[in-house]
Amino acid sequence: MGRRAGTLALTVAGGIPTLAAMVVHLKPDTESRLRDLCAATGRAPEDLVEEAMSGYLAELAQTRKMLDDRYDEIKSGRVKPIDGEEAFKRIRSKSDQRR
């Protein structure tokens, strides 16, 4: 793993032919936590970062789809928006009923 101070190489030479080498700059605290996790699990930093990014991007895509679907439902009139204050009243009411 090639490394300059404050950088972490995430690709291995001879890896995926269509992907150029990528360097991710991490804050010292984040890099330290990543290195600690690598030491504790015996896994390579690039594997942990790949797994984390893959999960993050999947979650982001799912959230984006949910928001797009909700927007389409509101725009089409299938769902009516609720005033923010009304939403908080409903939440407080349900909370009070459970007590």
C-alpha atoms as a PDB file:
ATOM      1  CA  MET A   1       0.000   0.000   0.000  1.00  0.00           C
ATOM      2  CA  GLY A   2       1.724   3.196  -1.180  1.00  0.00           C
ATOM      3  CA  ARG A   3       1.359   5.991   1.337  1.00  0.00           C
ATOM      4  CA  ARG A   4       2.309   9.617   1.781  1.00  0.00           C
ATOM      5  CA  ALA A   5       1.720  11.436   5.049  1.00  0.00           C
ATOM      6  CA  GLY A   6      -2.021  11.929   5.509  1.00  0.00           C
ATOM      7  CA  THR A   7      -3.083   9.815   2.493  1.00  0.00           C
ATOM      8  CA  LEU A   8      -4.320   6.286   2.142  1.00  0.00           C
ATOM      9  CA  ALA A   9      -4.200   4.452  -1.206  1.00  0.00           C
ATOM     10  CA  LEU A  10      -7.406   2.544  -1.850  1.00  0.00           C
ATOM     11  CA  THR A  11      -6.472   0.710  -5.025  1.00  0.00           C
ATOM     12  CA  VAL A  12      -3.846  -1.922  -5.645  1.00  0.00           C
ATOM     13  CA  ALA A  13      -1.630  -1.801  -8.736  1.00  0.00           C
ATOM     14  CA  GLY A  14      -2.834  -4.398 -11.216  1.00  0.00           C
ATOM     15  CA  GLY A  15      -6.343  -4.327  -9.725  1.00  0.00           C
ATOM     16  CA  ILE A  16      -9.358  -3.268 -11.749  1.00  0.00           C
ATOM     17  CA  PRO A  17      -8.040  -2.202 -15.178  1.00  0.00           C
ATOM     18  CA  THR A  18     -10.642   0.551 -15.718  1.00  0.00           C
ATOM     19  CA  LEU A  19     -10.070   2.230 -12.360  1.00  0.00           C
ATOM     20  CA  ALA A  20      -7.199   4.646 -11.954  1.00  0.00           C
ATOM     21  CA  ALA A  21      -5.409   4.724  -8.629  1.00  0.00           C
ATOM     22  CA  MET A  22      -7.486   6.564  -6.063  1.00  0.00           C
ATOM     23  CA  VAL A  23      -6.237   8.338  -2.981  1.00  0.00           C
ATOM     24  CA  VAL A  24      -8.616   9.336  -0.217  1.00  0.00           C
ATOM     25  CA  HIS A  25      -7.567  12.030   2.233  1.00  0.00           C
ATOM     26  CA  LEU A  26      -8.811  11.253   5.714  1.00  0.00           C
ATOM     27  CA  LYS A  27      -8.741  13.366   8.822  1.00  0.00           C
ATOM     28  CA  PRO A  28      -6.127  12.046  11.261  1.00  0.00           C
ATOM     29  CA  ASP A  29      -8.810  10.838  13.688  1.00  0.00           C
ATOM     30  CA  THR A  30     -10.622   8.920  10.940  1.00  0.00           C
ATOM     31  CA  GLU A  31      -7.393   7.403   9.638  1.00  0.00           C
ATOM     32  CA  SER A  32      -6.437   6.347  13.150  1.00  0.00           C
ATOM     33  CA  ARG A  33      -9.818   4.700  13.682  1.00  0.00           C
ATOM     34  CA  LEU A  34      -9.517   2.929  10.323  1.00  0.00           C
ATOM     35  CA  ARG A  35      -6.032   1.643  11.170  1.00  0.00           C
ATOM     36  CA  ASP A  36      -7.241   0.470  14.613  1.00  0.00           C
ATOM     37  CA  LEU A  37     -10.115  -1.411  12.981  1.00  0.00           C
ATOM     38  CA  CYS A  38      -7.716  -2.954  10.451  1.00  0.00           C
ATOM     39  CA  ALA A  39      -5.476  -4.134  13.276  1.00  0.00           C
ATOM     40  CA  ALA A  40      -8.419  -5.521  15.246  1.00  0.00           C
ATOM     41  CA  THR A  41     -10.025  -7.342  12.314  1.00  0.00           C
ATOM     42  CA  GLY A  42      -6.981  -8.257  10.245  1.00  0.00           C
ATOM     43  CA  ARG A  43      -8.641  -6.740   7.181  1.00  0.00           C
ATOM     44  CA  ALA A  44      -6.945  -4.422   4.715  1.00  0.00           C
ATOM     45  CA  PRO A  45      -7.867  -0.716   4.805  1.00  0.00           C
ATOM     46  CA  GLU A  46      -8.999  -0.777   1.164  1.00  0.00           C
ATOM     47  CA  ASP A  47     -11.411  -3.635   1.946  1.00  0.00           C
ATOM     48  CA  LEU A  48     -12.958  -1.777   4.880  1.00  0.00           C
ATOM     49  CA  VAL A  49     -13.256   1.490   2.942  1.00  0.00           C
ATOM     50  CA  GLU A  50     -14.748  -0.338  -0.072  1.00  0.00           C
ATOM     51  CA  GLU A  51     -17.330  -2.036   2.146  1.00  0.00           C
ATOM     52  CA  ALA A  52     -18.198   1.221   3.922  1.00  0.00           C
ATOM     53  CA  MET A  53     -18.542   3.167   0.656  1.00  0.00           C
ATOM     54  CA  SER A  54     -20.594   0.424  -0.951  1.00  0.00           C
ATOM     55  CA  GLY A  55     -23.026   0.403   1.985  1.00  0.00           C
ATOM     56  CA  TYR A  56     -23.174   4.194   2.100  1.00  0.00           C
ATOM     57  CA  LEU A  57     -23.862   4.516  -1.626  1.00  0.00           C
ATOM     58  CA  ALA A  58     -26.555   1.815  -1.506  1.00  0.00           C
ATOM     59  CA  GLU A  59     -28.241   3.598   1.410  1.00  0.00           C
ATOM     60  CA  LEU A  60     -27.962   6.939  -0.369  1.00  0.00           C
ATOM     61  CA  ALA A  61     -29.548   5.507  -3.538  1.00  0.00           C
ATOM     62  CA  GLN A  62     -32.376   3.968  -1.487  1.00  0.00           C
ATOM     63  CA  THR A  63     -33.005   7.284   0.308  1.00  0.00           C
ATOM     64  CA  ARG A  64     -32.937   9.192  -2.997  1.00  0.00           C
ATOM     65  CA  LYS A  65     -35.499   6.765  -4.494  1.00  0.00           C
ATOM     66  CA  MET A  66     -37.747   7.075  -1.437  1.00  0.00           C
ATOM     67  CA  LEU A  67     -37.634  10.880  -1.616  1.00  0.00           C
ATOM     68  CA  ASP A  68     -38.276  10.863  -5.364  1.00  0.00           C
ATOM     69  CA  ASP A  69     -41.217   8.471  -4.929  1.00  0.00           C
ATOM     70  CA  ARG A  70     -42.676  10.580  -2.113  1.00  0.00           C
ATOM     71  CA  TYR A  71     -42.299  13.748  -4.193  1.00  0.00           C
ATOM     72  CA  ASP A  72     -44.084  12.058  -7.113  1.00  0.00           C
ATOM     73  CA  GLU A  73     -46.917  10.966  -4.776  1.00  0.00           C
ATOM     74  CA  ILE A  74     -47.347  14.508  -3.454  1.00  0.00           C
ATOM     75  CA  LYS A  75     -47.107  16.088  -6.907  1.00  0.00           C
ATOM     76  CA  SER A  76     -49.718  13.689  -8.339  1.00  0.00           C
ATOM     77  CA  GLY A  77     -52.078  14.318  -5.411  1.00  0.00           C
ATOM     78  CA  ARG A  78     -52.065  10.701  -4.180  1.00  0.00           C
ATOM     79  CA  VAL A  79     -50.627  11.957  -0.883  1.00  0.00           C
ATOM     80  CA  LYS A  80     -51.441  15.277   0.722  1.00  0.00           C
ATOM     81  CA  PRO A  81     -48.665  17.087   2.543  1.00  0.00           C
ATOM     82  CA  ILE A  82     -49.141  17.766   6.246  1.00  0.00           C
ATOM     83  CA  ASP A  83     -48.238  21.073   7.830  1.00  0.00           C
ATOM     84  CA  GLY A  84     -45.121  20.737  10.014  1.00  0.00           C
ATOM     85  CA  GLU A  85     -46.921  21.950  13.146  1.00  0.00           C
ATOM     86  CA  GLU A  86     -49.748  19.475  12.501  1.00  0.00           C
ATOM     87  CA  ALA A  87     -47.232  16.643  12.145  1.00  0.00           C
ATOM     88  CA  PHE A  88     -45.628  17.545  15.495  1.00  0.00           C
ATOM     89  CA  LYS A  89     -49.069  17.693  17.152  1.00  0.00           C
ATOM     90  CA  ARG A  90     -49.830  14.177  15.910  1.00  0.00           C
ATOM     91  CA  ILE A  91     -46.495  12.848  17.168  1.00  0.00           C
ATOM     92  CA  ARG A  92     -46.972  14.496  20.587  1.00  0.00           C
ATOM     93  CA  SER A  93     -50.509  13.138  20.797  1.00  0.00           C
ATOM     94  CA  LYS A  94     -49.365   9.578  20.070  1.00  0.00           C
ATOM     95  CA  SER A  95     -46.562   9.941  22.614  1.00  0.00           C
ATOM     96  CA  ASP A  96     -48.993  11.214  25.254  1.00  0.00           C
ATOM     97  CA  GLN A  97     -51.409   8.324  24.554  1.00  0.00           C
ATOM     98  CA  ARG A  98     -48.648   5.772  25.135  1.00  0.00           C
ATOM     99  CA  ARG A  99     -47.809   7.186  28.562  1.00  0.00           C
END
